[in-house]
């Protein structure tokens, strides 16, 4: 129940020009969070070697962040509505920055993983409120469109810059991959305090229970697959985590059905097309995260690339993904979405099948570059069309909430699928006589087993890509409906409706 509204702040004129320092604060957080995601991938092997992380611990460095970010994302947006977007944005950036410092100074894996989870909490508040501040800072039309474009550009820049910068910093120390956030975060907070205006807010009853239950449920599912290979699938701890995942999933449905302001309105699932879209988004998010992490680790652990070499070698993936985005945005109004999704999935499938045939003696060009380009393009196709399917046939007032649910589903799918893929990789490696832990301690035979484990896991990513195509086949939205959704979303973001 939306309680009493706080009186509106004094009327002010919205900015008609984005050439100011305010946009640096708003888009700076987008850059920082994207940088963090790509930097960590290339820094993982160094973290594992220095802190003595197990393979499960290495997995949690990524999943702890993504789980809390995805699980608390909707709650983070509501926090902005409840206390004001400026206050929430600065608080989220502050938490993210302090947690980054804790990551950089961590002396063991437990502290690092805990700090990564807190990082995700900060990002879950700062990311949605930052986007909301664009609408309350810049006038509808040209200025707001430019601000949105700059925000998207920062994400693209962060994904590429993070690979190169992360590799360069990790050569010196992996800790710099986190500590670089400190000066950026302090600058964003200073600009936010001095240049951003507070927004109208309401006294809302936040669905904290729903957010916690969703996050804990996904965490329990992740525990099953991270602990299954080393402990055994019939270990009481693994079975207990599996039971907890099921019970928490049921509890989430009960909580959302009775909540005054549910994070996920269950009415969204009355439409079969939207349900299958969410299934595809969940699996598609898993394919994207798993592909980037497994290839990023493969080139360092097995092929012996340095962090900088790995980062530079991954740039074509980001460029191919961007090309897939552009091509799909043009094709979406003319081709039924199911065929675009299936087509993108076929690109990923082909890349993974080819990648599964690689060995640790292959050269980068063309053997590794080819699947990186093909897979990146396919991911780019899927990552554009599925969010459009999610908002198809949705009214202008509902586009914002549905888009937030879409982002949450995609972010939660990433770590859940990733840990399944990593469990497969570890199990296959151990079955072939390999071992876990830092690569520097492995013999040549153990490296061969690790090589086979990684390439075998790519077959499982290919299988998930097939599942994305199967679920997409049941999405019945038409090209005109997608075109209408595209236009409506652009108009909503521009403040025209």
Foldseek 3Di string as FASTA:
>chain_A
DFDAWDDWDPDDDADAAPPDCLLCLLLLLLLLVLLLLQLLLLLLLVCQVQQVDWLLLSLLLNVLQLLLLLLCLLLLLQVCQAPWLLVQQLQLLVQLLVLLLQLLVDNHSVSNSVSSNSNSNSCSNNNNSSLVLLPVRHAFDPRLLVSVVSSVVSSLCSNQVSQQVSLVVVVVNNSCSSNVSNVSSVSSSVCSVPPGDTGIHTNDDGLPVLSVLSSLLLVLLLCLLSVCQVPNNPPPSNVVSVVSNVVSVVVNVVSQVPDPDHLDNPVLVPDLLLVLLLVLLLLLLQLVLQVSSLQSCCCCLQLPDRSNRSSVLLSLLSVLLVVLQVVLVVCLLPFFLLVLLLVLLVLLLVLLVLLLPDHNVDDSPPSVVRSSNSNSSSSSSNVRSSLLSQCQPPDLVCNVSSSSNSSSSSSSSRSSSNSNLSSQLQNQLVVQPADIGNSVPGDPSNSRSSRNSSSVSSNVSSVSSVVSSVSSVPNDDGSNSSVVSVVSVSCSSSVND
